[in-house]
Structures are given as C-alpha cells and as structure tokens.
Amino acid sequence: MADSTPFAAIAPLLHAPPEQSYPGLSPQLLARIKQLWSARGLDFDQIWREGIRALPGFRAVPQIDASHDSAAVDLVFLFDQALLWVRALHAATAAGHSVSIDGLSAAQWHGLAGVTARLIEQMTALRLLALTELPLPAMQVARSLSEDADMALVLLIRPMLARRFSECSTAEDASDFWRRHIAGGRAFKAISEKLYSVGIDHSADTEYATWRKSVLATLSTAVHSNILNTTPPGARQDRALLNDDSLYFATFRIHELCAYAHLLAPELTDLLDKAGETAAGTFAPLAAPLSGILVSQIQCLNAPASERQRHEQASRH
C-alpha cells in the first residue's frame, strides 16, 4: 500500500535545523560544535544535511522521556560528527589515489579509501541499530568497526603491508591477509609499537590495553550469544539506547583513529588538503578541517553510565 502521507507534511523536515533531530541535546555541546565549525568557515547545517540527514535509513533520535540528562543524545550527536569525518576522509583518500598525490603510496591511498568506505557502511548500520534497540548486531558491527580502524592505521604506517593488501585479488587472499596481519590483535600490536616510538605506551599491560581488551571481549560475545538470554526489541522502555556501549566504543575508536593518524603521520593534514583541492564538490575538502574539529571533541565524549548508576539515578527522581 502506498504511503498516503502528503509530501508537504514531511518536506520541511529536510530543511529543519540539525538540532531538531536530537531532542534533549545539550545546548552547551551544540554551541561548542557550531562554534568550532564556524571558526573554520564551514556551514554545519548544510553539511549535516548532506552527510547525515541523507544517510540511508536516517532516523532522528527519539524523544527520551525517561532520560535524566542529555548523555545518550549527546553520544549520538558526537557519533554523527565522527561519521561526517569518516565520509570526508573517504572522499579525500579516494581523490588522493585517483590523482596519485605524493606523500602516501598508491597502495596506501587505495587501501585507506577501501577501509573508510567500509567504515561508512558500518557506522551507518550502527547508527540505525542504536536507534532501533538491536543490541546484538550493534555489538557485532562495533567489533568489526574497531578492527577496521586498526587496519586503517596499519595501512598508514606500513607501506609494504598496504602494498600486500592492494595485491589481494580474491576473497581467499583478503581473508588470508586479515588472518596474518590484522586479526587476533596483530594490528593493535603494530600500532602500539609505533605509538611507543612517539611517547605513547599502549603495551599489553597498560590500563588502556586492558580496557580495550575487555570491551572487545564483550562485543565478541554477540557472535556466539545465547538467544534465550536476550531481550526482545521494544521490551524495555527505560533506556534511550539499549546498546549505547557499542555506540560509545565506536565513537571512541574513530576519535582515536583521527588523533593517531595525524600523530603518526604529521604530514597527513597537508596531504588531505591537497586531495581536497582536487575534488571540489565532494566531502574531500572537509577532511583536513574536520580532523581538527573531531580531535577537539574527544574531551566531550563521556562513557555511558553503568546499569548500577542508571538505577541510582532513577531512585533519586
């Protein structure tokens, strides 16, 4: 049956300010983000409509009556900021490959374009899952996204590995490459070693590495979970996002990808600028300026409250 909703009734939503899609968003966070965009001469509203509102299956954040603060809505807003940067990074790396910009090898440009394309798909899916209370597939996507974030960094710091990746011509080749160089924490080890050389210790015995391992172990349970222990979609109405932990970890990993990429490759900003100049009319020119905006948002990202904290909050109201 055809949708009988008059177009005039929904058309205004296409041009509504972005904040209308995040009811309950922190005014302070919104003002900070818009100020960061404005300082770089960027039109946040227009770019948001093109980069987020136009996503397949776009959903606004639902009205959250039971929420006691803006944390859940703020998280979706920050996730969307990260998604905008990934879209820009993909456009820039694809442009860098097409015109063979010096500074990264052709295989690195090509590999980064491919991985960021996959990240866009994963983030788009995770966004939809986060707003429709489907926690298990969200956990699966978040785990896969984390591996791709690691892979992007490995391709950036290891040109020879990027060349091997570009030579994969079959599904079997790609699977073998993943097993040998990415899976099982291999990529994270390579990244940790490189980070250590610039003064950041993420070795296996650090608090960060322990936390990361714990999160990934939790996300991995979604693959072999017991269906008898899951909560049916819509069965709980006391939470805004049943899977906000997955959304948080994904947002954190993209922030981390942005920060580490520019730390490990200090010339990356200039390279993205050059790529953007060759692809006017796409998201590519946004990659460099959005990098700075995204890094400045890391301090705004707060971990979701634990279940115990949620119950304590509820008991006080």
C-alpha atoms as a PDB file:
ATOM      1  CA  MET A   1       0.000   0.000   0.000  1.00  0.00           C
ATOM      2  CA  ALA A   2       1.399   3.383  -0.941  1.00  0.00           C
ATOM      3  CA  ASP A   3       2.275   5.871   1.770  1.00  0.00           C
ATOM      4  CA  SER A   4      -0.527   8.394   1.937  1.00  0.00           C
ATOM      5  CA  THR A   5       1.423  10.967   3.952  1.00  0.00           C
ATOM      6  CA  PRO A   6       1.412  14.246   1.991  1.00  0.00           C
ATOM      7  CA  PHE A   7       4.887  15.272   0.867  1.00  0.00           C
ATOM      8  CA  ALA A   8       4.231  18.757   2.240  1.00  0.00           C
ATOM      9  CA  ALA A   9       3.976  17.225   5.707  1.00  0.00           C
ATOM     10  CA  ILE A  10       7.486  15.770   5.635  1.00  0.00           C
ATOM     11  CA  ALA A  11       9.315  18.117   3.272  1.00  0.00           C
ATOM     12  CA  PRO A  12      10.033  20.740   5.972  1.00  0.00           C
ATOM     13  CA  LEU A  13      11.970  18.102   7.937  1.00  0.00           C
ATOM     14  CA  LEU A  14      14.534  18.003   5.153  1.00  0.00           C
ATOM     15  CA  HIS A  15      15.412  21.615   5.839  1.00  0.00           C
ATOM     16  CA  ALA A  16      14.939  21.690   9.624  1.00  0.00           C
ATOM     17  CA  PRO A  17      17.932  22.674  11.785  1.00  0.00           C
ATOM     18  CA  PRO A  18      20.040  19.632  12.775  1.00  0.00           C
ATOM     19  CA  GLU A  19      19.282  20.102  16.473  1.00  0.00           C
ATOM     20  CA  GLN A  20      15.641  19.171  15.837  1.00  0.00           C
ATOM     21  CA  SER A  21      16.849  15.621  15.136  1.00  0.00           C
ATOM     22  CA  TYR A  22      18.456  15.431  18.599  1.00  0.00           C
ATOM     23  CA  PRO A  23      15.712  16.302  21.122  1.00  0.00           C
ATOM     24  CA  GLY A  24      17.297  16.850  24.510  1.00  0.00           C
ATOM     25  CA  LEU A  25      20.765  17.611  23.118  1.00  0.00           C
ATOM     26  CA  SER A  26      22.989  19.600  25.454  1.00  0.00           C
ATOM     27  CA  PRO A  27      22.792  23.282  24.395  1.00  0.00           C
ATOM     28  CA  GLN A  28      26.390  23.727  25.514  1.00  0.00           C
ATOM     29  CA  LEU A  29      27.619  20.884  23.306  1.00  0.00           C
ATOM     30  CA  LEU A  30      25.646  22.156  20.317  1.00  0.00           C
ATOM     31  CA  ALA A  31      27.002  25.682  20.781  1.00  0.00           C
ATOM     32  CA  ARG A  32      30.579  24.383  21.111  1.00  0.00           C
ATOM     33  CA  ILE A  33      30.361  22.278  17.966  1.00  0.00           C
ATOM     34  CA  LYS A  34      28.793  25.039  15.888  1.00  0.00           C
ATOM     35  CA  GLN A  35      31.460  27.456  17.098  1.00  0.00           C
ATOM     36  CA  LEU A  36      34.207  25.033  16.029  1.00  0.00           C
ATOM     37  CA  TRP A  37      32.668  24.711  12.573  1.00  0.00           C
ATOM     38  CA  SER A  38      32.069  28.427  12.199  1.00  0.00           C
ATOM     39  CA  ALA A  39      35.669  29.222  13.185  1.00  0.00           C
ATOM     40  CA  ARG A  40      36.771  27.223  10.120  1.00  0.00           C
ATOM     41  CA  GLY A  41      34.264  28.889   7.827  1.00  0.00           C
ATOM     42  CA  LEU A  42      32.137  25.747   7.487  1.00  0.00           C
ATOM     43  CA  ASP A  43      28.341  25.620   7.228  1.00  0.00           C
ATOM     44  CA  PHE A  44      27.459  22.959   9.781  1.00  0.00           C
ATOM     45  CA  ASP A  45      23.732  22.850   8.984  1.00  0.00           C
ATOM     46  CA  GLN A  46      24.204  22.313   5.256  1.00  0.00           C
ATOM     47  CA  ILE A  47      26.977  19.734   5.607  1.00  0.00           C
ATOM     48  CA  TRP A  48      24.981  17.851   8.242  1.00  0.00           C
ATOM     49  CA  ARG A  49      22.007  17.631   5.878  1.00  0.00           C
ATOM     50  CA  GLU A  50      24.212  16.279   3.094  1.00  0.00           C
ATOM     51  CA  GLY A  51      26.297  13.968   5.254  1.00  0.00           C
ATOM     52  CA  ILE A  52      23.912  12.705   7.958  1.00  0.00           C
ATOM     53  CA  ARG A  53      20.322  13.574   7.058  1.00  0.00           C
ATOM     54  CA  ALA A  54      20.797  11.978   3.624  1.00  0.00           C
ATOM     55  CA  LEU A  55      22.021   8.652   5.041  1.00  0.00           C
ATOM     56  CA  PRO A  56      20.072   5.525   4.045  1.00  0.00           C
ATOM     57  CA  GLY A  57      17.521   4.753   6.752  1.00  0.00           C
ATOM     58  CA  PHE A  58      18.145   8.049   8.566  1.00  0.00           C
ATOM     59  CA  ARG A  59      16.344   8.365  11.884  1.00  0.00           C
ATOM     60  CA  ALA A  60      16.167  11.244  14.281  1.00  0.00           C
ATOM     61  CA  VAL A  61      16.853  10.497  17.924  1.00  0.00           C
ATOM     62  CA  PRO A  62      13.519   9.638  19.591  1.00  0.00           C
ATOM     63  CA  GLN A  63      12.144  11.812  22.355  1.00  0.00           C
ATOM     64  CA  ILE A  64      13.567  10.368  25.581  1.00  0.00           C
ATOM     65  CA  ASP A  65      11.086  10.989  28.379  1.00  0.00           C
ATOM     66  CA  ALA A  66      12.803   8.732  30.914  1.00  0.00           C
ATOM     67  CA  SER A  67      16.267  10.218  30.483  1.00  0.00           C
ATOM     68  CA  HIS A  68      17.722  12.219  33.369  1.00  0.00           C
ATOM     69  CA  ASP A  69      20.393  14.013  31.369  1.00  0.00           C
ATOM     70  CA  SER A  70      21.487  14.611  27.788  1.00  0.00           C
ATOM     71  CA  ALA A  71      24.257  11.973  27.744  1.00  0.00           C
ATOM     72  CA  ALA A  72      22.548   9.484  25.419  1.00  0.00           C
ATOM     73  CA  VAL A  73      21.534  12.157  22.899  1.00  0.00           C
ATOM     74  CA  ASP A  74      24.941  13.828  23.089  1.00  0.00           C
ATOM     75  CA  LEU A  75      26.528  10.478  22.274  1.00  0.00           C
ATOM     76  CA  VAL A  76      24.540  10.103  19.051  1.00  0.00           C
ATOM     77  CA  PHE A  77      25.428  13.674  18.102  1.00  0.00           C
ATOM     78  CA  LEU A  78      29.153  13.032  18.638  1.00  0.00           C
ATOM     79  CA  PHE A  79      28.910   9.738  16.757  1.00  0.00           C
ATOM     80  CA  ASP A  80      27.409  11.630  13.812  1.00  0.00           C
ATOM     81  CA  GLN A  81      30.283  14.111  13.923  1.00  0.00           C
ATOM     82  CA  ALA A  82      32.695  11.179  13.680  1.00  0.00           C
ATOM     83  CA  LEU A  83      30.709   9.764  10.761  1.00  0.00           C
ATOM     84  CA  LEU A  84      30.970  13.083   8.917  1.00  0.00           C
ATOM     85  CA  TRP A  85      34.749  12.962   9.302  1.00  0.00           C
ATOM     86  CA  VAL A  86      34.945   9.378   8.023  1.00  0.00           C
ATOM     87  CA  ARG A  87      32.888  10.356   4.985  1.00  0.00           C
ATOM     88  CA  ALA A  88      35.259  13.243   4.334  1.00  0.00           C
ATOM     89  CA  LEU A  89      38.316  11.048   4.881  1.00  0.00           C
ATOM     90  CA  HIS A  90      36.990   8.506   2.399  1.00  0.00           C
ATOM     91  CA  ALA A  91      36.412  11.165  -0.253  1.00  0.00           C
ATOM     92  CA  ALA A  92      39.894  12.605   0.307  1.00  0.00           C
ATOM     93  CA  THR A  93      41.698   9.251   0.195  1.00  0.00           C
ATOM     94  CA  ALA A  94      39.801   8.256  -2.940  1.00  0.00           C
ATOM     95  CA  ALA A  95      40.848  11.568  -4.517  1.00  0.00           C
ATOM     96  CA  GLY A  96      44.435  11.094  -3.346  1.00  0.00           C
ATOM     97  CA  HIS A  97      44.540   7.725  -5.072  1.00  0.00           C
ATOM     98  CA  SER A  98      42.937   8.938  -8.285  1.00  0.00           C
ATOM     99  CA  VAL A  99      45.486  11.727  -8.790  1.00  0.00           C
ATOM    100  CA  SER A 100      48.476   9.943  -7.190  1.00  0.00           C
ATOM    101  CA  ILE A 101      49.358  12.564  -4.583  1.00  0.00           C
ATOM    102  CA  ASP A 102      52.900  12.137  -3.258  1.00  0.00           C
ATOM    103  CA  GLY A 103      53.342  11.507   0.446  1.00  0.00           C
ATOM    104  CA  LEU A 104      51.478   8.208   0.568  1.00  0.00           C
ATOM    105  CA  SER A 105      51.918   5.364  -1.871  1.00  0.00           C
ATOM    106  CA  ALA A 106      49.194   4.457  -4.343  1.00  0.00           C
ATOM    107  CA  ALA A 107      48.550   1.312  -2.311  1.00  0.00           C
ATOM    108  CA  GLN A 108      48.125   3.347   0.886  1.00  0.00           C
ATOM    109  CA  TRP A 109      45.680   5.774  -0.726  1.00  0.00           C
ATOM    110  CA  HIS A 110      43.787   2.869  -2.268  1.00  0.00           C
ATOM    111  CA  GLY A 111      43.711   0.820   0.919  1.00  0.00           C
ATOM    112  CA  LEU A 112      42.577   3.752   3.051  1.00  0.00           C
ATOM    113  CA  ALA A 113      39.814   4.576   0.568  1.00  0.00           C
ATOM    114  CA  GLY A 114      38.599   0.987   0.731  1.00  0.00           C
ATOM    115  CA  VAL A 115      38.699   0.717   4.511  1.00  0.00           C
ATOM    116  CA  THR A 116      36.976   4.067   5.045  1.00  0.00           C
ATOM    117  CA  ALA A 117      34.231   3.057   2.604  1.00  0.00           C
ATOM    118  CA  ARG A 118      33.619   0.033   4.791  1.00  0.00           C
ATOM    119  CA  LEU A 119      33.692   2.203   7.925  1.00  0.00           C
ATOM    120  CA  ILE A 120      30.963   4.412   6.445  1.00  0.00           C
ATOM    121  CA  GLU A 121      28.734   1.389   5.877  1.00  0.00           C
ATOM    122  CA  GLN A 122      29.400   0.070   9.378  1.00  0.00           C
ATOM    123  CA  MET A 123      28.732   3.409  11.048  1.00  0.00           C
ATOM    124  CA  THR A 124      25.544   3.918   9.053  1.00  0.00           C
ATOM    125  CA  ALA A 125      24.329   0.480  10.141  1.00  0.00           C
ATOM    126  CA  LEU A 126      25.372   1.014  13.760  1.00  0.00           C
ATOM    127  CA  ARG A 127      23.542   4.333  13.878  1.00  0.00           C
ATOM    128  CA  LEU A 128      20.328   2.680  12.751  1.00  0.00           C
ATOM    129  CA  LEU A 129      20.770  -0.194  15.198  1.00  0.00           C
ATOM    130  CA  ALA A 130      21.414   2.221  18.062  1.00  0.00           C
ATOM    131  CA  LEU A 131      18.101   3.971  17.429  1.00  0.00           C
ATOM    132  CA  THR A 132      16.064   0.788  16.995  1.00  0.00           C
ATOM    133  CA  GLU A 133      17.286  -1.128  20.069  1.00  0.00           C
ATOM    134  CA  LEU A 134      19.010  -4.068  18.358  1.00  0.00           C
ATOM    135  CA  PRO A 135      21.999  -4.621  20.678  1.00  0.00           C
ATOM    136  CA  LEU A 136      23.483  -7.878  19.421  1.00  0.00           C
ATOM    137  CA  PRO A 137      24.013  -6.856  15.794  1.00  0.00           C
ATOM    138  CA  ALA A 138      25.212  -3.481  17.065  1.00  0.00           C
ATOM    139  CA  MET A 139      27.899  -5.246  19.096  1.00  0.00           C
ATOM    140  CA  GLN A 140      28.966  -7.235  16.049  1.00  0.00           C
ATOM    141  CA  VAL A 141      29.238  -4.090  13.935  1.00  0.00           C
ATOM    142  CA  ALA A 142      31.167  -2.233  16.652  1.00  0.00           C
ATOM    143  CA  ARG A 143      33.713  -5.037  16.890  1.00  0.00           C
ATOM    144  CA  SER A 144      34.195  -5.098  13.120  1.00  0.00           C
ATOM    145  CA  LEU A 145      34.470  -1.303  13.043  1.00  0.00           C
ATOM    146  CA  SER A 146      37.214  -1.397  15.663  1.00  0.00           C
ATOM    147  CA  GLU A 147      39.225  -3.839  13.548  1.00  0.00           C
ATOM    148  CA  ASP A 148      38.876  -1.610  10.501  1.00  0.00           C
ATOM    149  CA  ALA A 149      40.036   1.422  12.497  1.00  0.00           C
ATOM    150  CA  ASP A 150      43.158  -0.558  13.410  1.00  0.00           C
ATOM    151  CA  MET A 151      43.605  -1.615   9.800  1.00  0.00           C
ATOM    152  CA  ALA A 152      43.431   1.989   8.593  1.00  0.00           C
ATOM    153  CA  LEU A 153      46.245   2.945  10.976  1.00  0.00           C
ATOM    154  CA  VAL A 154      48.349  -0.047   9.932  1.00  0.00           C
ATOM    155  CA  LEU A 155      47.962   0.857   6.256  1.00  0.00           C
ATOM    156  CA  LEU A 156      49.021   4.393   7.076  1.00  0.00           C
ATOM    157  CA  ILE A 157      52.199   3.442   8.931  1.00  0.00           C
ATOM    158  CA  ARG A 158      53.279   0.364   6.939  1.00  0.00           C
ATOM    159  CA  PRO A 159      53.529   0.985   3.175  1.00  0.00           C
ATOM    160  CA  MET A 160      54.707  -2.560   2.457  1.00  0.00           C
ATOM    161  CA  LEU A 161      51.682  -4.008   4.216  1.00  0.00           C
ATOM    162  CA  ALA A 162      49.452  -1.656   2.233  1.00  0.00           C
ATOM    163  CA  ARG A 163      51.032  -2.983  -0.961  1.00  0.00           C
ATOM    164  CA  ARG A 164      50.324  -6.563   0.082  1.00  0.00           C
ATOM    165  CA  PHE A 165      46.736  -5.631   0.823  1.00  0.00           C
ATOM    166  CA  SER A 166      46.348  -3.997  -2.591  1.00  0.00           C
ATOM    167  CA  GLU A 167      47.556  -7.207  -4.211  1.00  0.00           C
ATOM    168  CA  CYS A 168      44.702  -9.249  -2.740  1.00  0.00           C
ATOM    169  CA  SER A 169      42.577 -10.212  -5.743  1.00  0.00           C
ATOM    170  CA  THR A 170      40.260 -12.842  -4.275  1.00  0.00           C
ATOM    171  CA  ALA A 171      38.191 -13.319  -1.139  1.00  0.00           C
ATOM    172  CA  GLU A 172      40.652 -16.004  -0.071  1.00  0.00           C
ATOM    173  CA  ASP A 173      43.555 -13.565  -0.454  1.00  0.00           C
ATOM    174  CA  ALA A 174      41.785 -10.948   1.637  1.00  0.00           C
ATOM    175  CA  SER A 175      40.872 -13.488   4.307  1.00  0.00           C
ATOM    176  CA  ASP A 176      44.462 -14.689   4.493  1.00  0.00           C
ATOM    177  CA  PHE A 177      45.746 -11.116   4.738  1.00  0.00           C
ATOM    178  CA  TRP A 178      43.306 -10.376   7.554  1.00  0.00           C
ATOM    179  CA  ARG A 179      44.264 -13.502   9.470  1.00  0.00           C
ATOM    180  CA  ARG A 180      48.013 -12.901   9.118  1.00  0.00           C
ATOM    181  CA  HIS A 181      48.206  -9.172   9.756  1.00  0.00           C
ATOM    182  CA  ILE A 182      45.022  -7.819  11.398  1.00  0.00           C
ATOM    183  CA  ALA A 183      43.122 -10.430  13.420  1.00  0.00           C
ATOM    184  CA  GLY A 184      43.979 -11.518  16.946  1.00  0.00           C
ATOM    185  CA  GLY A 185      45.371  -8.156  17.983  1.00  0.00           C
ATOM    186  CA  ARG A 186      48.188  -8.208  15.413  1.00  0.00           C
ATOM    187  CA  ALA A 187      47.265  -4.788  14.044  1.00  0.00           C
ATOM    188  CA  PHE A 188      46.964  -3.318  17.524  1.00  0.00           C
ATOM    189  CA  LYS A 189      50.434  -4.625  18.400  1.00  0.00           C
ATOM    190  CA  ALA A 190      51.941  -2.954  15.327  1.00  0.00           C
ATOM    191  CA  ILE A 191      50.179   0.315  16.153  1.00  0.00           C
ATOM    192  CA  SER A 192      51.257   0.150  19.811  1.00  0.00           C
ATOM    193  CA  GLU A 193      54.889  -0.288  18.790  1.00  0.00           C
ATOM    194  CA  LYS A 194      54.693   2.750  16.530  1.00  0.00           C
ATOM    195  CA  LEU A 195      52.918   4.832  19.156  1.00  0.00           C
ATOM    196  CA  TYR A 196      55.567   3.877  21.709  1.00  0.00           C
ATOM    197  CA  SER A 197      58.186   5.423  19.427  1.00  0.00           C
ATOM    198  CA  VAL A 198      56.440   8.789  19.759  1.00  0.00           C
ATOM    199  CA  GLY A 199      55.948   8.538  23.510  1.00  0.00           C
ATOM    200  CA  ILE A 200      52.566   6.795  23.930  1.00  0.00           C
ATOM    201  CA  ASP A 201      52.583   3.472  25.766  1.00  0.00           C
ATOM    202  CA  HIS A 202      49.699   1.193  24.798  1.00  0.00           C
ATOM    203  CA  SER A 203      51.506  -2.078  25.524  1.00  0.00           C
ATOM    204  CA  ALA A 204      49.526  -5.089  26.698  1.00  0.00           C
ATOM    205  CA  ASP A 205      49.910  -4.353  30.421  1.00  0.00           C
ATOM    206  CA  THR A 206      48.603  -0.775  30.350  1.00  0.00           C
ATOM    207  CA  GLU A 207      45.225   0.266  31.707  1.00  0.00           C
ATOM    208  CA  TYR A 208      44.104   1.323  28.234  1.00  0.00           C
ATOM    209  CA  ALA A 209      45.050  -2.025  26.663  1.00  0.00           C
ATOM    210  CA  THR A 210      43.229  -3.884  29.450  1.00  0.00           C
ATOM    211  CA  TRP A 211      40.090  -1.780  28.961  1.00  0.00           C
ATOM    212  CA  ARG A 212      40.186  -2.218  25.209  1.00  0.00           C
ATOM    213  CA  LYS A 213      40.628  -5.975  25.507  1.00  0.00           C
ATOM    214  CA  SER A 214      37.710  -6.158  27.936  1.00  0.00           C
ATOM    215  CA  VAL A 215      35.421  -4.189  25.620  1.00  0.00           C
ATOM    216  CA  LEU A 216      36.336  -6.265  22.589  1.00  0.00           C
ATOM    217  CA  ALA A 217      35.725  -9.460  24.576  1.00  0.00           C
ATOM    218  CA  THR A 218      32.268  -8.182  25.489  1.00  0.00           C
ATOM    219  CA  LEU A 219      31.496  -7.234  21.897  1.00  0.00           C
ATOM    220  CA  SER A 220      32.674 -10.648  20.750  1.00  0.00           C
ATOM    221  CA  THR A 221      30.030 -12.372  22.869  1.00  0.00           C
ATOM    222  CA  ALA A 222      27.420 -11.145  20.397  1.00  0.00           C
ATOM    223  CA  VAL A 223      28.698 -13.612  17.813  1.00  0.00           C
ATOM    224  CA  HIS A 224      28.001 -16.663  19.973  1.00  0.00           C
ATOM    225  CA  SER A 225      25.381 -15.299  22.350  1.00  0.00           C
ATOM    226  CA  ASN A 226      22.635 -17.377  23.895  1.00  0.00           C
ATOM    227  CA  ILE A 227      19.394 -16.265  22.253  1.00  0.00           C
ATOM    228  CA  LEU A 228      17.445 -17.341  25.339  1.00  0.00           C
ATOM    229  CA  ASN A 229      19.117 -14.587  27.340  1.00  0.00           C
ATOM    230  CA  THR A 230      18.398 -11.678  25.009  1.00  0.00           C
ATOM    231  CA  THR A 231      15.766  -9.024  25.493  1.00  0.00           C
ATOM    232  CA  PRO A 232      13.283  -8.671  22.622  1.00  0.00           C
ATOM    233  CA  PRO A 233      13.341  -5.308  20.811  1.00  0.00           C
ATOM    234  CA  GLY A 234      10.932  -2.868  22.432  1.00  0.00           C
ATOM    235  CA  ALA A 235      10.670  -4.868  25.659  1.00  0.00           C
ATOM    236  CA  ARG A 236      12.458  -2.201  27.677  1.00  0.00           C
ATOM    237  CA  GLN A 237      11.350   1.380  27.692  1.00  0.00           C
ATOM    238  CA  ASP A 238      13.557   2.739  30.488  1.00  0.00           C
ATOM    239  CA  ARG A 239      16.631   3.343  28.347  1.00  0.00           C
ATOM    240  CA  ALA A 240      17.255   5.602  25.424  1.00  0.00           C
ATOM    241  CA  LEU A 241      19.802   3.356  23.744  1.00  0.00           C
ATOM    242  CA  LEU A 242      19.921  -0.319  24.646  1.00  0.00           C
ATOM    243  CA  ASN A 243      23.343  -0.531  23.006  1.00  0.00           C
ATOM    244  CA  ASP A 244      24.928   2.793  23.895  1.00  0.00           C
ATOM    245  CA  ASP A 245      28.115   0.997  24.961  1.00  0.00           C
ATOM    246  CA  SER A 246      28.622  -0.155  21.359  1.00  0.00           C
ATOM    247  CA  LEU A 247      27.944   3.341  20.101  1.00  0.00           C
ATOM    248  CA  TYR A 248      30.365   4.828  22.616  1.00  0.00           C
ATOM    249  CA  PHE A 249      33.185   2.410  21.757  1.00  0.00           C
ATOM    250  CA  ALA A 250      32.721   3.018  18.034  1.00  0.00           C
ATOM    251  CA  THR A 251      32.822   6.790  18.524  1.00  0.00           C
ATOM    252  CA  PHE A 252      35.893   6.499  20.734  1.00  0.00           C
ATOM    253  CA  ARG A 253      37.705   4.376  18.143  1.00  0.00           C
ATOM    254  CA  ILE A 254      37.012   6.878  15.348  1.00  0.00           C
ATOM    255  CA  HIS A 255      38.238   9.742  17.543  1.00  0.00           C
ATOM    256  CA  GLU A 256      41.305   7.650  18.256  1.00  0.00           C
ATOM    257  CA  LEU A 257      41.811   6.862  14.568  1.00  0.00           C
ATOM    258  CA  CYS A 258      41.731  10.574  13.762  1.00  0.00           C
ATOM    259  CA  ALA A 259      44.129  11.581  16.529  1.00  0.00           C
ATOM    260  CA  TYR A 260      46.626   8.763  15.987  1.00  0.00           C
ATOM    261  CA  ALA A 261      46.593   9.062  12.203  1.00  0.00           C
ATOM    262  CA  HIS A 262      47.715  12.677  12.422  1.00  0.00           C
ATOM    263  CA  LEU A 263      50.166  11.930  15.217  1.00  0.00           C
ATOM    264  CA  LEU A 264      51.837   9.061  13.365  1.00  0.00           C
ATOM    265  CA  ALA A 265      51.778  10.855  10.016  1.00  0.00           C
ATOM    266  CA  PRO A 266      52.294  14.565  10.790  1.00  0.00           C
ATOM    267  CA  GLU A 267      52.102  15.420   7.080  1.00  0.00           C
ATOM    268  CA  LEU A 268      48.630  13.909   6.783  1.00  0.00           C
ATOM    269  CA  THR A 269      46.782  17.212   7.181  1.00  0.00           C
ATOM    270  CA  ASP A 270      48.682  18.729   4.260  1.00  0.00           C
ATOM    271  CA  LEU A 271      48.072  15.618   2.159  1.00  0.00           C
ATOM    272  CA  LEU A 272      44.342  15.728   2.871  1.00  0.00           C
ATOM    273  CA  ASP A 273      44.301  19.417   1.977  1.00  0.00           C
ATOM    274  CA  LYS A 274      45.920  18.627  -1.381  1.00  0.00           C
ATOM    275  CA  ALA A 275      43.464  15.807  -2.006  1.00  0.00           C
ATOM    276  CA  GLY A 276      40.569  18.098  -1.153  1.00  0.00           C
ATOM    277  CA  GLU A 277      41.725  20.675  -3.677  1.00  0.00           C
ATOM    278  CA  THR A 278      41.431  18.082  -6.434  1.00  0.00           C
ATOM    279  CA  ALA A 279      37.879  17.050  -5.540  1.00  0.00           C
ATOM    280  CA  ALA A 280      35.823  20.199  -5.071  1.00  0.00           C
ATOM    281  CA  GLY A 281      32.121  19.489  -4.770  1.00  0.00           C
ATOM    282  CA  THR A 282      32.665  16.362  -2.669  1.00  0.00           C
ATOM    283  CA  PHE A 283      33.287  15.815   1.037  1.00  0.00           C
ATOM    284  CA  ALA A 284      37.042  15.651   0.367  1.00  0.00           C
ATOM    285  CA  PRO A 285      37.826  19.326   1.184  1.00  0.00           C
ATOM    286  CA  LEU A 286      36.333  18.762   4.647  1.00  0.00           C
ATOM    287  CA  ALA A 287      38.772  16.021   5.672  1.00  0.00           C
ATOM    288  CA  ALA A 288      41.548  18.285   6.932  1.00  0.00           C
ATOM    289  CA  PRO A 289      39.451  20.897   8.797  1.00  0.00           C
ATOM    290  CA  LEU A 290      37.128  18.264  10.280  1.00  0.00           C
ATOM    291  CA  SER A 291      40.169  16.415  11.626  1.00  0.00           C
ATOM    292  CA  GLY A 292      40.903  19.305  13.952  1.00  0.00           C
ATOM    293  CA  ILE A 293      37.254  19.624  14.934  1.00  0.00           C
ATOM    294  CA  LEU A 294      36.965  15.932  15.729  1.00  0.00           C
ATOM    295  CA  VAL A 295      40.101  15.817  17.871  1.00  0.00           C
ATOM    296  CA  SER A 296      38.825  18.787  19.874  1.00  0.00           C
ATOM    297  CA  GLN A 297      35.633  16.833  20.656  1.00  0.00           C
ATOM    298  CA  ILE A 298      37.368  13.929  22.408  1.00  0.00           C
ATOM    299  CA  GLN A 299      37.013  15.617  25.788  1.00  0.00           C
ATOM    300  CA  CYS A 300      33.237  15.837  25.250  1.00  0.00           C
ATOM    301  CA  LEU A 301      32.837  12.059  24.932  1.00  0.00           C
ATOM    302  CA  ASN A 302      31.591  10.526  28.172  1.00  0.00           C
ATOM    303  CA  ALA A 303      31.267   6.794  28.729  1.00  0.00           C
ATOM    304  CA  PRO A 304      27.694   5.526  29.224  1.00  0.00           C
ATOM    305  CA  ALA A 305      26.626   5.098  32.810  1.00  0.00           C
ATOM    306  CA  SER A 306      26.735   1.571  34.175  1.00  0.00           C
ATOM    307  CA  GLU A 307      23.497  -0.288  34.917  1.00  0.00           C
ATOM    308  CA  ARG A 308      24.043   0.323  38.629  1.00  0.00           C
ATOM    309  CA  GLN A 309      24.474   4.053  38.053  1.00  0.00           C
ATOM    310  CA  ARG A 310      21.283   4.143  35.988  1.00  0.00           C
ATOM    311  CA  HIS A 311      19.310   2.546  38.823  1.00  0.00           C
ATOM    312  CA  GLU A 312      20.815   5.010  41.305  1.00  0.00           C
ATOM    313  CA  GLN A 313      19.845   7.916  39.061  1.00  0.00           C
ATOM    314  CA  ALA A 314      16.307   6.586  38.725  1.00  0.00           C
ATOM    315  CA  SER A 315      15.940   6.159  42.501  1.00  0.00           C
ATOM    316  CA  ARG A 316      16.780   9.828  43.043  1.00  0.00           C
ATOM    317  CA  HIS A 317      13.925  11.014  40.804  1.00  0.00           C
END
